C-alpha atoms as a PDB file:
ATOM      1  CA  MET A   1       0.018   0.038   0.003  1.00  0.00           C
ATOM      2  CA  THR A   2       1.382   3.370  -0.888  1.00  0.00           C
ATOM      3  CA  LEU A   3       1.614   6.153   1.543  1.00  0.00           C
ATOM      4  CA  GLU A   4      -0.968   8.075  -0.426  1.00  0.00           C
ATOM      5  CA  HIS A   5      -3.456   5.187   0.156  1.00  0.00           C
ATOM      6  CA  ALA A   6      -2.428   4.749   3.807  1.00  0.00           C
ATOM      7  CA  LEU A   7      -2.842   8.550   4.626  1.00  0.00           C
ATOM      8  CA  PRO A   8      -5.599   9.796   2.358  1.00  0.00           C
ATOM      9  CA  ARG A   9      -6.219  13.491   2.546  1.00  0.00           C
ATOM     10  CA  ARG A  10      -9.629  14.637   3.797  1.00  0.00           C
ATOM     11  CA  PRO A  11     -11.487  17.594   2.285  1.00  0.00           C
ATOM     12  CA  LEU A  12     -12.026  20.676   4.560  1.00  0.00           C
ATOM     13  CA  ALA A  13     -15.100  20.658   6.682  1.00  0.00           C
ATOM     14  CA  VAL A  14     -17.599  22.621   4.745  1.00  0.00           C
ATOM     15  CA  PRO A  15     -19.224  24.694   7.555  1.00  0.00           C
ATOM     16  CA  ALA A  16     -15.861  25.590   8.932  1.00  0.00           C
ATOM     17  CA  LEU A  17     -14.441  26.440   5.535  1.00  0.00           C
ATOM     18  CA  VAL A  18     -17.496  28.717   4.754  1.00  0.00           C
ATOM     19  CA  ALA A  19     -17.034  30.503   8.161  1.00  0.00           C
ATOM     20  CA  MET A  20     -13.319  30.876   7.446  1.00  0.00           C
ATOM     21  CA  LEU A  21     -13.891  32.429   4.088  1.00  0.00           C
ATOM     22  CA  LEU A  22     -16.551  34.794   5.409  1.00  0.00           C
ATOM     23  CA  LEU A  23     -14.325  35.949   8.260  1.00  0.00           C
ATOM     24  CA  GLY A  24     -11.254  36.323   6.027  1.00  0.00           C
ATOM     25  CA  ILE A  25      -8.918  34.588   8.390  1.00  0.00           C
ATOM     26  CA  ALA A  26      -7.178  31.890   6.335  1.00  0.00           C
ATOM     27  CA  CYS A  27      -3.444  31.740   6.923  1.00  0.00           C
ATOM     28  CA  SER A  28      -2.644  32.595   3.330  1.00  0.00           C
ATOM     29  CA  PRO A  29      -2.482  35.819   1.220  1.00  0.00           C
ATOM     30  CA  ALA A  30      -5.857  35.260  -0.283  1.00  0.00           C
ATOM     31  CA  GLY A  31      -7.501  34.514   3.074  1.00  0.00           C
ATOM     32  CA  GLY A  32      -6.131  37.694   4.629  1.00  0.00           C
ATOM     33  CA  GLN A  33      -3.526  36.771   7.294  1.00  0.00           C
ATOM     34  CA  GLY A  34      -2.231  40.197   6.453  1.00  0.00           C
ATOM     35  CA  ALA A  35      -4.314  43.313   6.943  1.00  0.00           C
ATOM     36  CA  ALA A  36      -7.641  41.610   6.988  1.00  0.00           C
ATOM     37  CA  GLY A  37      -6.312  39.049   9.495  1.00  0.00           C
ATOM     38  CA  ALA A  38      -5.104  41.663  12.008  1.00  0.00           C
ATOM     39  CA  PRO A  39      -6.936  41.698  15.363  1.00  0.00           C
ATOM     40  CA  ALA A  40      -9.871  44.076  15.436  1.00  0.00           C
ATOM     41  CA  ALA A  41      -8.454  45.679  18.548  1.00  0.00           C
ATOM     42  CA  ASN A  42      -5.673  47.122  16.379  1.00  0.00           C
ATOM     43  CA  PRO A  43      -7.288  48.423  13.217  1.00  0.00           C
ATOM     44  CA  GLY A  44      -4.562  50.871  12.611  1.00  0.00           C
ATOM     45  CA  ALA A  45      -1.780  48.293  12.183  1.00  0.00           C
ATOM     46  CA  THR A  46       0.260  49.122   9.168  1.00  0.00           C
ATOM     47  CA  THR A  47       0.927  45.827   7.400  1.00  0.00           C
ATOM     48  CA  ALA A  48       3.637  47.344   5.209  1.00  0.00           C
ATOM     49  CA  ALA A  49       5.781  48.311   8.172  1.00  0.00           C
ATOM     50  CA  LYS A  50       9.091  46.416   8.393  1.00  0.00           C
ATOM     51  CA  PRO A  51       9.431  43.800  11.190  1.00  0.00           C
ATOM     52  CA  ALA A  52      11.918  44.268  13.905  1.00  0.00           C
ATOM     53  CA  ALA A  53      15.747  43.683  13.359  1.00  0.00           C
ATOM     54  CA  PRO A  54      17.054  40.064  13.680  1.00  0.00           C
ATOM     55  CA  ALA A  55      16.511  38.619  17.151  1.00  0.00           C
ATOM     56  CA  ALA A  56      19.386  38.931  19.619  1.00  0.00           C
ATOM     57  CA  PRO A  57      21.298  35.719  20.829  1.00  0.00           C
ATOM     58  CA  ALA A  58      19.795  33.749  23.601  1.00  0.00           C
ATOM     59  CA  PRO A  59      20.928  34.783  27.101  1.00  0.00           C
ATOM     60  CA  PRO A  60      23.106  32.447  29.194  1.00  0.00           C
ATOM     61  CA  HIS A  61      21.425  29.216  30.228  1.00  0.00           C
ATOM     62  CA  ARG A  62      19.025  29.493  27.321  1.00  0.00           C
ATOM     63  CA  ALA A  63      19.042  27.934  23.903  1.00  0.00           C
ATOM     64  CA  VAL A  64      17.194  28.534  20.661  1.00  0.00           C
ATOM     65  CA  ALA A  65      15.362  26.217  18.243  1.00  0.00           C
ATOM     66  CA  THR A  66      13.958  27.401  14.991  1.00  0.00           C
ATOM     67  CA  PHE A  67      11.172  25.564  13.168  1.00  0.00           C
ATOM     68  CA  ALA A  68       8.928  26.132  10.054  1.00  0.00           C
ATOM     69  CA  MET A  69       5.595  24.393  10.386  1.00  0.00           C
ATOM     70  CA  GLY A  70       3.271  26.085   7.887  1.00  0.00           C
ATOM     71  CA  CYS A  71       1.230  28.918   9.393  1.00  0.00           C
ATOM     72  CA  PHE A  72       3.207  30.382  12.205  1.00  0.00           C
ATOM     73  CA  TRP A  73      -0.015  31.045  14.198  1.00  0.00           C
ATOM     74  CA  CYS A  74      -0.273  27.234  14.557  1.00  0.00           C
ATOM     75  CA  ALA A  75       3.365  26.738  15.173  1.00  0.00           C
ATOM     76  CA  GLU A  76       3.520  29.269  17.911  1.00  0.00           C
ATOM     77  CA  ASP A  77       0.477  27.709  19.585  1.00  0.00           C
ATOM     78  CA  ALA A  78       2.107  24.251  19.403  1.00  0.00           C
ATOM     79  CA  PHE A  79       4.932  25.241  21.710  1.00  0.00           C
ATOM     80  CA  GLU A  80       3.430  27.774  23.988  1.00  0.00           C
ATOM     81  CA  GLY A  81       2.965  26.525  27.541  1.00  0.00           C
ATOM     82  CA  HIS A  82       5.309  23.507  27.243  1.00  0.00           C
ATOM     83  CA  GLN A  83       7.672  22.938  30.148  1.00  0.00           C
ATOM     84  CA  GLY A  84      10.957  24.567  29.649  1.00  0.00           C
ATOM     85  CA  VAL A  85       9.836  26.848  26.806  1.00  0.00           C
ATOM     86  CA  VAL A  86      10.603  30.440  27.749  1.00  0.00           C
ATOM     87  CA  SER A  87       9.200  32.243  24.689  1.00  0.00           C
ATOM     88  CA  VAL A  88       7.904  31.567  21.196  1.00  0.00           C
ATOM     89  CA  VAL A  89       8.163  34.315  18.485  1.00  0.00           C
ATOM     90  CA  SER A  90       6.585  34.196  15.049  1.00  0.00           C
ATOM     91  CA  GLY A  91       8.744  35.376  12.203  1.00  0.00           C
ATOM     92  CA  TYR A  92      10.563  34.707   9.044  1.00  0.00           C
ATOM     93  CA  THR A  93      13.800  32.949   8.196  1.00  0.00           C
ATOM     94  CA  GLY A  94      15.643  31.217   5.384  1.00  0.00           C
ATOM     95  CA  GLY A  95      15.316  34.035   2.850  1.00  0.00           C
ATOM     96  CA  LYS A  96      17.626  36.355   0.989  1.00  0.00           C
ATOM     97  CA  GLU A  97      16.141  39.805   1.959  1.00  0.00           C
ATOM     98  CA  LYS A  98      16.677  41.618   5.195  1.00  0.00           C
ATOM     99  CA  ASN A  99      13.601  42.786   7.279  1.00  0.00           C
ATOM    100  CA  PRO A 100      10.951  41.147   5.154  1.00  0.00           C
ATOM    101  CA  THR A 101       7.270  41.988   5.604  1.00  0.00           C
ATOM    102  CA  TYR A 102       4.415  39.539   5.529  1.00  0.00           C
ATOM    103  CA  GLU A 103       3.274  40.735   2.133  1.00  0.00           C
ATOM    104  CA  GLU A 104       6.725  40.284   0.581  1.00  0.00           C
ATOM    105  CA  VAL A 105       7.033  36.737   2.074  1.00  0.00           C
ATOM    106  CA  SER A 106       3.516  35.856   0.869  1.00  0.00           C
ATOM    107  CA  ALA A 107       4.342  37.135  -2.635  1.00  0.00           C
ATOM    108  CA  HIS A 108       7.316  34.760  -2.790  1.00  0.00           C
ATOM    109  CA  ARG A 109       9.712  37.725  -3.224  1.00  0.00           C
ATOM    110  CA  THR A 110      12.061  36.877  -0.443  1.00  0.00           C
ATOM    111  CA  GLY A 111      12.438  33.147  -0.150  1.00  0.00           C
ATOM    112  CA  HIS A 112      11.517  33.185   3.615  1.00  0.00           C
ATOM    113  CA  PHE A 113       9.633  30.516   5.451  1.00  0.00           C
ATOM    114  CA  GLU A 114       6.923  31.377   7.994  1.00  0.00           C
ATOM    115  CA  SER A 115       8.745  30.180  11.205  1.00  0.00           C
ATOM    116  CA  ILE A 116       8.988  30.358  14.870  1.00  0.00           C
ATOM    117  CA  GLU A 117      11.910  30.932  17.237  1.00  0.00           C
ATOM    118  CA  VAL A 118      11.617  29.011  20.481  1.00  0.00           C
ATOM    119  CA  THR A 119      13.774  30.032  23.327  1.00  0.00           C
ATOM    120  CA  TYR A 120      14.172  27.307  25.902  1.00  0.00           C
ATOM    121  CA  ASP A 121      15.843  26.183  29.080  1.00  0.00           C
ATOM    122  CA  PRO A 122      17.965  23.079  28.312  1.00  0.00           C
ATOM    123  CA  ALA A 123      17.832  22.117  31.950  1.00  0.00           C
ATOM    124  CA  LYS A 124      14.016  21.677  31.755  1.00  0.00           C
ATOM    125  CA  VAL A 125      13.486  20.453  28.242  1.00  0.00           C
ATOM    126  CA  SER A 126      15.840  18.879  25.655  1.00  0.00           C
ATOM    127  CA  TYR A 127      16.182  19.682  22.013  1.00  0.00           C
ATOM    128  CA  GLU A 128      15.070  16.123  21.233  1.00  0.00           C
ATOM    129  CA  GLN A 129      11.833  16.736  23.229  1.00  0.00           C
ATOM    130  CA  LEU A 130      11.187  19.881  21.195  1.00  0.00           C
ATOM    131  CA  LEU A 131      11.747  17.924  17.940  1.00  0.00           C
ATOM    132  CA  ASP A 132       9.128  15.486  19.130  1.00  0.00           C
ATOM    133  CA  VAL A 133       6.584  18.446  19.548  1.00  0.00           C
ATOM    134  CA  PHE A 134       7.603  19.638  16.081  1.00  0.00           C
ATOM    135  CA  TRP A 135       7.088  16.395  14.274  1.00  0.00           C
ATOM    136  CA  HIS A 136       3.680  15.632  15.907  1.00  0.00           C
ATOM    137  CA  ASN A 137       2.365  19.149  14.836  1.00  0.00           C
ATOM    138  CA  VAL A 138       3.249  18.873  11.085  1.00  0.00           C
ATOM    139  CA  ASP A 139       2.467  16.570   8.250  1.00  0.00           C
ATOM    140  CA  PRO A 140       6.011  15.445   7.248  1.00  0.00           C
ATOM    141  CA  THR A 141       4.741  13.848   4.068  1.00  0.00           C
ATOM    142  CA  ASP A 142       3.679  17.178   2.440  1.00  0.00           C
ATOM    143  CA  ALA A 143       6.478  18.774   0.543  1.00  0.00           C
ATOM    144  CA  GLY A 144       4.449  21.675  -0.727  1.00  0.00           C
ATOM    145  CA  GLY A 145       3.151  23.298   2.403  1.00  0.00           C
ATOM    146  CA  GLN A 146       0.998  22.313   5.427  1.00  0.00           C
ATOM    147  CA  PHE A 147      -2.611  21.525   5.473  1.00  0.00           C
ATOM    148  CA  CYS A 148      -4.605  24.126   3.595  1.00  0.00           C
ATOM    149  CA  ASP A 149      -1.691  26.513   3.310  1.00  0.00           C
ATOM    150  CA  GLN A 150       0.362  25.571   0.282  1.00  0.00           C
ATOM    151  CA  GLY A 151       3.354  27.315  -1.200  1.00  0.00           C
ATOM    152  CA  PRO A 152       7.053  27.651  -0.437  1.00  0.00           C
ATOM    153  CA  GLN A 153       6.722  29.798   2.649  1.00  0.00           C
ATOM    154  CA  TYR A 154       4.632  27.129   4.270  1.00  0.00           C
ATOM    155  CA  ARG A 155       6.927  24.202   3.870  1.00  0.00           C
ATOM    156  CA  SER A 156       8.061  22.397   7.030  1.00  0.00           C
ATOM    157  CA  ALA A 157      11.741  22.707   7.916  1.00  0.00           C
ATOM    158  CA  ILE A 158      14.099  22.462  10.882  1.00  0.00           C
ATOM    159  CA  PHE A 159      16.652  25.198  10.972  1.00  0.00           C
ATOM    160  CA  VAL A 160      19.559  23.844  12.992  1.00  0.00           C
ATOM    161  CA  HIS A 161      21.939  25.878  15.201  1.00  0.00           C
ATOM    162  CA  GLY A 162      25.131  23.920  15.068  1.00  0.00           C
ATOM    163  CA  ASP A 163      26.247  20.262  14.528  1.00  0.00           C
ATOM    164  CA  GLU A 164      24.548  18.907  17.674  1.00  0.00           C
ATOM    165  CA  GLN A 165      21.156  20.068  16.641  1.00  0.00           C
ATOM    166  CA  ARG A 166      21.856  18.807  13.055  1.00  0.00           C
ATOM    167  CA  ARG A 167      22.626  15.350  14.313  1.00  0.00           C
ATOM    168  CA  ALA A 168      19.525  15.255  16.445  1.00  0.00           C
ATOM    169  CA  ALA A 169      17.283  16.578  13.612  1.00  0.00           C
ATOM    170  CA  GLU A 170      18.642  14.146  11.078  1.00  0.00           C
ATOM    171  CA  ALA A 171      18.198  11.142  13.511  1.00  0.00           C
ATOM    172  CA  SER A 172      14.637  12.208  14.224  1.00  0.00           C
ATOM    173  CA  LYS A 173      13.838  12.692  10.562  1.00  0.00           C
ATOM    174  CA  ALA A 174      15.146   9.208   9.880  1.00  0.00           C
ATOM    175  CA  ALA A 175      12.892   7.784  12.532  1.00  0.00           C
ATOM    176  CA  VAL A 176       9.871   9.649  11.189  1.00  0.00           C
ATOM    177  CA  ALA A 177      10.574   8.528   7.489  1.00  0.00           C
ATOM    178  CA  GLY A 178      10.816   4.894   8.807  1.00  0.00           C
ATOM    179  CA  LYS A 179       7.407   5.210  10.555  1.00  0.00           C
ATOM    180  CA  LEU A 180       5.464   7.066   7.829  1.00  0.00           C
ATOM    181  CA  GLY A 181       7.383   5.919   4.755  1.00  0.00           C
ATOM    182  CA  LYS A 182       8.340   9.466   3.797  1.00  0.00           C
ATOM    183  CA  ALA A 183       9.618  12.687   5.416  1.00  0.00           C
ATOM    184  CA  ALA A 184       9.719  15.746   3.135  1.00  0.00           C
ATOM    185  CA  THR A 185      10.738  18.167   5.865  1.00  0.00           C
ATOM    186  CA  LEU A 186      13.955  20.065   5.197  1.00  0.00           C
ATOM    187  CA  ILE A 187      16.863  20.348   7.535  1.00  0.00           C
ATOM    188  CA  LEU A 188      18.658  23.644   6.907  1.00  0.00           C
ATOM    189  CA  PRO A 189      21.318  25.716   8.692  1.00  0.00           C
ATOM    190  CA  ALA A 190      19.860  28.464  10.898  1.00  0.00           C
ATOM    191  CA  GLU A 191      19.952  31.957   9.331  1.00  0.00           C
ATOM    192  CA  ALA A 192      18.849  35.343  10.408  1.00  0.00           C
ATOM    193  CA  PHE A 193      15.394  35.319  12.010  1.00  0.00           C
ATOM    194  CA  TYR A 194      13.083  38.336  11.670  1.00  0.00           C
ATOM    195  CA  ALA A 195      10.207  38.685  14.039  1.00  0.00           C
ATOM    196  CA  ALA A 196       6.828  39.059  12.171  1.00  0.00           C
ATOM    197  CA  GLU A 197       4.510  42.053  12.580  1.00  0.00           C
ATOM    198  CA  GLY A 198       2.972  42.521  16.045  1.00  0.00           C
ATOM    199  CA  TYR A 199      -0.600  41.299  15.127  1.00  0.00           C
ATOM    200  CA  HIS A 200       0.849  37.969  14.279  1.00  0.00           C
ATOM    201  CA  GLN A 201       2.376  37.405  17.723  1.00  0.00           C
ATOM    202  CA  ASP A 202       0.350  35.283  20.220  1.00  0.00           C
ATOM    203  CA  PHE A 203      -2.425  35.174  17.642  1.00  0.00           C
ATOM    204  CA  ALA A 204      -4.161  32.095  19.086  1.00  0.00           C
ATOM    205  CA  LYS A 205      -4.243  33.626  22.610  1.00  0.00           C
ATOM    206  CA  ASN A 206      -5.247  37.045  21.471  1.00  0.00           C
ATOM    207  CA  ASN A 207      -7.837  35.928  18.990  1.00  0.00           C
ATOM    208  CA  PRO A 208      -9.166  32.548  20.113  1.00  0.00           C
ATOM    209  CA  LEU A 209     -12.379  32.504  18.060  1.00  0.00           C
ATOM    210  CA  ARG A 210     -10.731  33.658  14.820  1.00  0.00           C
ATOM    211  CA  TYR A 211      -7.883  31.175  15.463  1.00  0.00           C
ATOM    212  CA  ARG A 212     -10.270  28.270  16.092  1.00  0.00           C
ATOM    213  CA  PHE A 213     -12.189  28.949  12.932  1.00  0.00           C
ATOM    214  CA  TYR A 214      -8.948  29.105  10.911  1.00  0.00           C
ATOM    215  CA  SER A 215      -7.376  25.955  12.363  1.00  0.00           C
ATOM    216  CA  THR A 216     -10.516  23.899  12.107  1.00  0.00           C
ATOM    217  CA  GLY A 217     -11.319  25.124   8.613  1.00  0.00           C
ATOM    218  CA  CYS A 218      -7.818  24.423   7.419  1.00  0.00           C
ATOM    219  CA  GLY A 219      -8.229  20.748   8.410  1.00  0.00           C
ATOM    220  CA  ARG A 220      -5.133  20.858  10.637  1.00  0.00           C
ATOM    221  CA  ALA A 221      -6.392  18.681  13.526  1.00  0.00           C
ATOM    222  CA  ALA A 222      -8.064  16.087  11.265  1.00  0.00           C
ATOM    223  CA  ARG A 223      -4.903  15.670   9.177  1.00  0.00           C
ATOM    224  CA  LEU A 224      -2.677  15.353  12.242  1.00  0.00           C
ATOM    225  CA  ARG A 225      -4.950  12.560  13.550  1.00  0.00           C
ATOM    226  CA  GLN A 226      -4.742  10.848  10.166  1.00  0.00           C
ATOM    227  CA  VAL A 227      -0.886  11.006  10.244  1.00  0.00           C
ATOM    228  CA  TRP A 228      -0.154  10.450  14.017  1.00  0.00           C
ATOM    229  CA  GLY A 229      -3.246   8.950  15.484  1.00  0.00           C
ATOM    230  CA  ASP A 230      -3.435   9.476  19.356  1.00  0.00           C
ATOM    231  CA  ALA A 231       0.021  10.988  19.317  1.00  0.00           C
ATOM    232  CA  ALA A 232      -1.136  13.945  17.174  1.00  0.00           C
ATOM    233  CA  GLY A 233      -0.126  17.406  18.501  1.00  0.00           C
ATOM    234  CA  GLY A 234      -2.291  20.453  19.051  1.00  0.00           C
ATOM    235  CA  GLN A 235      -4.004  18.960  22.152  1.00  0.00           C
ATOM    236  CA  HIS A 236      -1.914  20.389  25.022  1.00  0.00           C
END
C-alpha cells in the first residue's frame, strides 16, 4: 500500500471552511492573514511596516530552536505552555532579503519561510523533546506546504543551530521516515530570524475564536490525527 493510500487527505469541513472564508482569516495571502487578518483591537496596524531587526542571541542558560511548520500562528500555539519553553516568536527565516514583511514573504519575493523561534531552558526540556513536539504538529509527508496552506513559505523545515542540533534533527527525521514511509521536511542551517509584525504574535491567545475557525477550517487537527493517531499534536 502506498503512503497516499495509507494516509488519504480529507477535504476541509464545509461549515468551517465557509466560516473561514466569510471571516477572511485563512493563513494565506488570499485569506487575509495580512491586513484583514489583523486583530480588530488594532485596526490601525500598518501591514507594510518592516518587522523588527534580527533577534538577539539567547541569554546564558538559554538555547534557541527554529522551526517552520506552515502557518506560524499554529506553530507558535504548538509550543506555547510547554515545560522549559521560555518564549515563542513568530517570524521569517531562510530568505535572502533583510527585514521582510508579511506581504513580501507571501508574494514569494524573499524566499523566507513562516517560522518560529523557540527560546528554551535546556535544563528543563531537551532539544530532542522539542523535535518531538515539532514532528507531531506537522504533516511530514507534504513537500508543498502544510494543510490548507500551500506554497514555499509554508513548507516544514528544521533550522539547526550547530552540529549537535543537526545530528538530532537528522536522527529524528530518519525515525519519522521509517514510521511514515516518507519525510519531506527540510533540515537547513539556521539563518537570520526576523520577528513578524505585532498582530501575528500570540495570535491564538489574542484571537481565540478567529484562530479556532482558521485552524478547524484548514483541516489541521483532522490531518494530524490521520498521520499521527493518538500522538497527534495540537492537544496540550
